[in-house]
Protein backbone atom coordinates (compact mmCIF):
# COMPACT_ATOMS: atom_id res chain seq x y z
CA MET A 1 -12.15 42.00 46.03
CA THR A 2 -13.12 38.70 47.32
CA GLN A 3 -15.61 38.58 43.99
CA PHE A 4 -12.48 39.92 41.67
CA ARG A 5 -10.31 36.98 42.63
CA THR A 6 -13.03 34.18 42.62
CA TRP A 7 -13.59 35.55 38.56
CA LEU A 8 -10.10 35.77 38.31
CA GLY A 9 -9.80 32.43 38.96
CA SER A 10 -12.94 31.01 37.12
CA LEU A 11 -11.35 32.64 33.64
CA LEU A 12 -7.99 31.38 34.15
CA LEU A 13 -9.35 28.07 35.01
CA ALA A 14 -11.75 28.36 31.58
CA GLY A 15 -8.28 29.60 30.20
CA CYS A 16 -5.98 26.24 30.69
CA LEU A 17 -8.74 24.05 29.77
CA ALA A 18 -9.89 25.56 26.92
CA GLY A 19 -6.38 26.07 26.00
CA PRO A 20 -5.14 22.46 25.22
CA ALA A 21 -8.66 21.48 23.84
CA LEU A 22 -8.56 24.08 20.75
CA ALA A 23 -4.79 23.10 19.85
CA ALA A 24 -6.12 19.50 19.98
CA ASP A 25 -9.21 20.27 17.76
CA PRO A 26 -9.08 18.20 14.17
CA GLN A 27 -8.26 19.28 11.25
CA PRO A 28 -9.08 17.77 8.27
CA VAL A 29 -6.27 16.07 6.13
CA THR A 30 -5.58 14.60 2.55
CA ILE A 31 -2.31 12.44 1.78
CA ARG A 32 -2.63 12.42 -2.20
CA PHE A 33 -0.90 9.87 -4.36
CA ALA A 34 0.49 9.16 -7.71
CA GLY A 35 0.78 6.04 -9.68
CA MET A 36 3.66 6.91 -11.98
CA VAL A 37 5.88 4.75 -13.96
CA GLY A 38 9.16 6.52 -13.68
CA ASP A 39 8.22 10.47 -14.84
CA GLN A 40 4.85 9.17 -16.89
CA PRO A 41 1.77 8.67 -15.11
CA PHE A 42 0.56 5.10 -15.18
CA ALA A 43 -2.25 4.54 -17.44
CA CYS A 44 -4.16 1.57 -17.90
CA GLY A 45 -3.61 -0.28 -21.61
CA GLN A 46 -0.07 2.36 -21.96
CA SER A 47 3.08 0.36 -22.68
CA TYR A 48 6.41 1.12 -20.97
CA ALA A 49 9.79 1.06 -22.11
CA GLY A 50 13.49 0.71 -20.33
CA LEU A 51 11.93 -1.12 -17.21
CA GLY A 52 13.78 -3.85 -15.72
CA ALA A 53 16.90 -5.45 -16.02
CA ARG A 54 16.57 -5.76 -19.08
CA ALA A 55 14.89 -2.59 -19.95
CA SER A 56 11.62 -4.49 -21.49
CA ARG A 57 8.63 -2.69 -22.60
CA ALA A 58 5.84 -4.17 -20.63
CA THR A 59 2.41 -2.67 -20.48
CA PRO A 60 0.66 -3.00 -16.78
CA SER A 61 -3.14 -4.28 -16.47
CA ASP A 62 -2.81 -3.92 -12.40
CA PHE A 63 -2.04 -1.34 -10.07
CA ARG A 64 -3.58 -1.39 -6.62
CA PHE A 65 -1.60 -1.16 -3.06
CA TYR A 66 -3.27 -1.02 0.58
CA VAL A 67 -1.70 1.49 3.25
CA SER A 68 -1.97 1.28 7.00
CA GLY A 69 -1.04 2.73 10.01
CA LEU A 70 -0.46 6.61 8.48
CA GLU A 71 1.31 9.18 11.15
CA LEU A 72 2.20 12.90 10.16
CA ILE A 73 5.19 13.78 12.01
CA ASP A 74 5.07 17.56 13.43
CA THR A 75 7.48 20.11 13.32
CA ALA A 76 9.17 18.89 16.89
CA GLY A 77 9.63 14.94 15.88
CA ARG A 78 6.60 13.91 17.26
CA ALA A 79 4.39 10.92 15.49
CA VAL A 80 0.99 12.04 15.06
CA PRO A 81 -1.37 9.43 14.09
CA VAL A 82 -3.76 10.25 11.07
CA THR A 83 -7.69 9.07 11.91
CA LEU A 84 -9.34 7.58 8.78
CA ALA A 85 -12.73 8.78 7.40
CA GLN A 86 -14.42 5.74 7.39
CA ASP A 87 -15.96 6.56 4.13
CA GLY A 88 -17.43 3.05 3.43
CA VAL A 89 -15.55 2.50 0.30
CA TRP A 90 -12.01 3.22 0.15
CA GLN A 91 -11.20 2.82 3.72
CA HIS A 92 -11.89 0.63 6.87
CA ALA A 93 -10.89 1.10 10.32
CA ASP A 94 -7.12 2.10 9.96
CA VAL A 95 -6.74 0.61 6.22
CA ALA A 96 -6.79 2.15 2.95
CA LEU A 97 -6.96 1.25 -0.55
CA LEU A 98 -5.07 3.27 -3.07
CA ASP A 99 -6.62 1.83 -6.95
CA PHE A 100 -4.73 3.33 -10.52
CA GLU A 101 -6.34 1.21 -12.35
CA ASN A 102 -10.19 1.81 -14.04
CA ARG A 103 -11.24 -1.50 -15.60
CA SER A 104 -10.31 -0.69 -19.09
CA GLY A 105 -7.82 -2.26 -21.98
CA PRO A 106 -6.08 -4.92 -20.11
CA CYS A 107 -6.75 -3.81 -16.82
CA LEU A 108 -9.34 -6.74 -16.65
CA THR A 109 -9.57 -8.04 -12.63
CA GLY A 110 -10.04 -4.13 -11.15
CA THR A 111 -12.80 -1.60 -10.70
CA VAL A 112 -14.14 1.25 -13.10
CA GLU A 113 -13.58 3.41 -9.76
CA THR A 114 -9.92 4.60 -8.61
CA ASN A 115 -8.87 6.70 -5.75
CA ASP A 116 -5.64 8.19 -5.65
CA SER A 117 -6.25 9.81 -1.77
CA ILE A 118 -6.89 8.96 1.84
CA ARG A 119 -8.73 11.48 3.90
CA GLY A 120 -9.04 11.82 7.84
CA THR A 121 -8.28 14.32 10.85
CA VAL A 122 -5.00 14.97 12.84
CA PRO A 123 -4.80 17.84 15.50
CA ALA A 124 -4.25 20.74 14.51
CA GLY A 125 -0.85 22.04 14.01
CA SER A 126 1.59 21.88 11.26
CA TYR A 127 3.71 18.29 9.80
CA ARG A 128 7.02 18.24 7.79
CA GLY A 129 7.03 14.08 7.24
CA LEU A 130 5.22 10.94 6.50
CA ARG A 131 4.99 7.63 8.02
CA PHE A 132 2.42 4.68 6.76
CA THR A 133 2.85 0.83 6.08
CA LEU A 134 1.94 -0.60 2.70
CA GLY A 135 0.08 -3.67 4.31
CA VAL A 136 -2.73 -4.61 6.12
CA PRO A 137 -2.31 -5.34 9.26
CA ALA A 138 -2.58 -8.75 11.17
CA ALA A 139 -5.91 -8.14 13.08
CA LEU A 140 -7.47 -7.64 9.76
CA ASN A 141 -5.20 -9.87 7.13
CA HIS A 142 -6.85 -13.01 7.87
CA ALA A 143 -10.66 -11.94 7.69
CA ASP A 144 -13.33 -13.27 5.30
CA ALA A 145 -13.00 -11.08 1.97
CA THR A 146 -16.47 -12.72 1.30
CA VAL A 147 -17.82 -10.93 4.24
CA ALA A 148 -15.32 -7.80 4.66
CA ALA A 149 -16.33 -4.28 5.04
CA SER A 150 -15.22 -2.48 1.49
CA PRO A 151 -12.06 -2.20 1.01
CA LEU A 152 -11.44 -5.44 2.49
CA ASN A 153 -14.45 -7.15 0.40
CA LEU A 154 -12.42 -7.26 -3.12
CA GLY A 155 -11.80 -10.88 -4.28
CA SER A 156 -9.01 -10.00 -6.82
CA LEU A 157 -6.93 -8.50 -3.48
CA PHE A 158 -7.23 -12.05 -1.34
CA TRP A 159 -5.88 -14.85 -1.65
CA SER A 160 -7.72 -17.06 1.61
CA TRP A 161 -8.19 -16.84 5.13
CA GLN A 162 -4.51 -18.72 5.48
CA GLY A 163 -2.43 -16.17 3.02
CA GLY A 164 -4.59 -13.26 3.80
CA TYR A 165 -4.41 -10.17 1.63
CA LYS A 166 -2.74 -9.15 -1.66
CA PHE A 167 -0.97 -5.74 0.15
CA LEU A 168 0.28 -4.67 -3.35
CA ARG A 169 -1.07 -6.06 -7.00
CA ILE A 170 0.56 -4.83 -9.91
CA ASP A 171 0.40 -7.36 -13.23
CA LEU A 172 2.16 -6.69 -16.76
CA ALA A 173 3.40 -8.27 -20.03
CA SER A 174 6.84 -8.44 -21.79
CA ALA A 175 7.60 -9.53 -24.69
CA GLY A 176 8.89 -12.98 -22.60
CA ARG A 177 6.10 -13.17 -20.29
CA PRO A 178 2.54 -12.30 -22.02
CA GLN A 179 -0.71 -12.52 -20.54
CA THR A 180 -3.82 -13.97 -21.37
CA VAL A 181 -5.64 -13.53 -18.37
CA ARG A 182 -9.12 -12.99 -19.09
CA ALA A 183 -11.60 -11.19 -16.65
CA GLY A 184 -12.99 -11.74 -13.57
CA GLU A 185 -9.84 -14.55 -12.90
CA SER A 186 -7.85 -13.91 -9.76
CA PRO A 187 -4.87 -16.71 -8.96
CA ARG A 188 -4.30 -17.67 -5.62
CA PHE A 189 -1.24 -17.50 -3.90
CA GLY A 190 0.89 -20.34 -5.37
CA ASP A 191 -1.03 -21.15 -8.50
CA MET A 192 1.43 -22.36 -11.19
CA ALA A 193 -0.49 -23.93 -12.95
CA GLY A 194 -1.48 -20.22 -14.93
CA SER A 195 1.93 -19.64 -14.59
CA HIS A 196 2.58 -19.29 -18.62
CA ARG A 197 -0.72 -17.08 -18.80
CA LEU A 198 -0.32 -14.71 -15.99
CA GLY A 199 2.62 -12.33 -17.28
CA PHE A 200 4.85 -10.74 -14.97
CA ALA A 201 2.75 -10.79 -11.36
CA VAL A 202 3.85 -8.54 -8.78
CA HIS A 203 2.09 -9.75 -6.00
CA ILE A 204 3.10 -9.21 -2.25
CA GLY A 205 1.70 -10.38 0.66
CA SER A 206 2.51 -11.86 3.98
CA THR A 207 3.43 -15.59 3.35
CA MET A 208 4.49 -18.58 5.98
CA CYS A 209 1.28 -17.95 8.16
CA ALA A 210 0.16 -19.96 11.03
CA PRO A 211 -2.25 -23.38 10.50
CA GLY A 212 -5.94 -22.37 10.87
CA THR A 213 -8.71 -20.73 9.54
CA PRO A 214 -8.22 -18.01 10.41
CA PRO A 215 -4.82 -18.34 11.18
CA SER A 216 -3.82 -18.80 15.19
CA GLY A 217 -1.01 -16.31 14.64
CA ASP A 218 0.79 -13.79 12.13
CA CYS A 219 2.60 -15.30 9.43
CA ARG A 220 6.63 -16.13 9.80
CA ASN A 221 7.19 -13.51 6.52
CA PRO A 222 4.59 -10.77 7.59
CA ASN A 223 5.87 -8.66 4.62
CA ARG A 224 4.61 -5.17 5.45
CA ALA A 225 6.61 -2.41 4.54
CA ALA A 226 7.31 0.49 6.35
CA VAL A 227 7.78 3.73 4.36
CA GLU A 228 8.78 6.91 6.11
CA LEU A 229 9.01 10.39 3.93
CA ALA A 230 11.07 13.12 5.64
CA GLY A 231 10.19 16.54 4.63
CA PHE A 232 6.58 15.87 3.61
CA ASP A 233 4.09 18.29 3.50
CA PRO A 234 0.47 17.33 3.32
CA ALA A 235 -0.96 20.47 2.46
CA ARG A 236 1.79 20.63 -0.76
CA ASP A 237 3.34 17.58 -1.23
CA VAL A 238 2.38 13.65 -3.37
CA VAL A 239 3.70 10.57 -2.61
CA VAL A 240 4.85 8.92 -5.95
CA ALA A 241 4.40 4.91 -5.94
CA ASP A 242 7.07 4.74 -8.73
CA MET A 243 6.58 1.50 -10.67
CA ARG A 244 9.63 1.87 -12.36
CA ALA A 245 11.62 1.81 -9.48
CA LEU A 246 10.30 -1.25 -7.62
CA LEU A 247 11.15 -3.26 -10.63
CA GLU A 248 14.46 -1.74 -10.74
CA GLY A 249 16.51 -5.25 -10.92
CA VAL A 250 13.54 -7.37 -12.14
CA ASN A 251 13.85 -9.75 -15.31
CA LEU A 252 10.61 -9.25 -16.57
CA GLU A 253 10.93 -11.58 -19.68
CA VAL A 254 11.30 -14.92 -17.68
CA ASN A 255 9.98 -16.56 -14.61
CA GLN A 256 12.00 -19.29 -12.18
CA PRO A 257 11.11 -22.94 -12.81
CA ASN A 258 8.47 -24.55 -10.91
CA THR A 259 7.65 -21.09 -9.01
CA PRO A 260 4.45 -18.81 -9.61
CA ALA A 261 4.49 -16.06 -12.44
CA GLY A 262 6.51 -13.66 -11.70
CA CYS A 263 6.52 -12.60 -7.59
CA MET A 264 3.99 -13.98 -5.23
CA SER A 265 5.92 -13.57 -2.08
CA SER A 266 7.40 -16.82 -2.23
CA PRO A 267 10.38 -17.23 0.17
CA ASN A 268 12.15 -19.75 -2.07
CA ASP A 269 11.26 -17.43 -5.28
CA GLY A 270 14.36 -15.84 -6.89
CA ASP A 271 12.13 -13.67 -9.24
CA CYS A 272 11.20 -11.90 -5.45
CA ASP A 273 14.49 -10.99 -4.47
CA PRO A 274 15.09 -7.20 -5.88
CA LEU A 275 11.43 -6.59 -5.55
CA MET A 276 11.71 -7.18 -1.57
CA GLN A 277 14.88 -5.31 -1.90
CA ASN A 278 13.01 -2.10 -3.51
CA LEU A 279 10.14 -2.05 -0.72
CA GLY A 280 12.86 -2.13 2.04
CA LEU A 281 11.79 -5.66 2.94
CA ALA A 282 14.46 -8.46 3.71
CA PHE A 283 14.80 -11.48 1.56
CA GLY A 284 16.71 -14.66 1.51
CA GLY A 285 18.73 -13.25 4.57
CA ARG A 286 19.46 -10.40 3.42
CA ALA A 287 18.36 -6.89 4.73
CA SER A 288 17.11 -4.39 2.30
CA SER A 289 19.25 -1.36 1.78
CA GLY A 290 16.32 0.59 1.99
CA GLN A 291 12.73 0.82 -0.18
CA ARG A 292 12.81 3.33 -3.26
CA PHE A 293 8.86 2.38 -4.51
CA PHE A 294 7.72 5.99 -2.34
CA ARG A 295 8.88 8.99 -2.72
CA ALA A 296 7.47 12.27 -2.62
CA ARG A 297 7.05 15.20 -4.82
C-alpha cells in the first residue's frame, strides 16, 4: 500500500507539473497585413482617385511602417505578448517593419523586397483580439541607424539620432503637389528647402525630443499610436492598413507655408492635424476620436 501511495503521489505531482507546462507551450502565429487604398490594393505606380478633402487623384510612391508591442487577446480578455521571430531582416527585438512598396515605378526610396506579415509565437490557446503600437519603442528610437540591426538600419526611415525613426512613411504626388524626388533622396526632418519637390509626404515620428546624441530622455511628442482590433482572429483575419482612411480630411493639393512638405510631424504644422486624428493621436491640444487607419478584414 505504501508503494502504491508513493507511486500515485508521484503520478499526480508529474501531472501537476506537466499540465501548466503543456498549456504554456508556444504555438507559431502569423499576423498578416494588407496595404490598401480603400478597397484597392496598394501598388507602386498606380494612381487612386477620390483621396483626401478635395477628392484628389494621387500616386503614392512609398508605404512602410514600423509596429511594436504586439499582443493577442485571449478569450478571457487577457493580453498575451507575441514573441517575434528574430529573422535578421524584418523583425528585431520587439519591432517589425511592414513594407508594401517594391522600388518599382515612382517608388524610388524603398527596397525591392516587401513584407506583409509578422511572425512569432504565443502560448497555446484561442485568441480573439489584437493590440500593437505604430512606432518604434523609445529604447530603440534613438539608436545609430548606420550600425543598427535590420530593419532599423534603413536611412530612408530615419531622421537623426535626436529625431529617431519615421514610424510611418507614405509619399504621394498630386496635381497640386507634384513629386520630383530622385532615387536615394531621403529628406531630413524639417527639410523645407525640398518641400516644393517632395509632393505630399506623410512622415510620422517623435518630435520635440530631448537634447543630446542620443537624447537624454523621450520626446515630448512621442506620436506612437496604440491600436486595438477587437474580435481579431489571427488564423482567419488580416490587418488592413487603409491609406484612404488615413488621408480622410487631408488636403493633398496644398502645403502650409513655411513648413515641410505634407506632414513631417511638426507640432505647428496644420497639415498634420487630420492625419494625427486619423491615427488616434492628439494634436494641437485636441484629442482624437479614435484611429481609423487600421481595421480587421
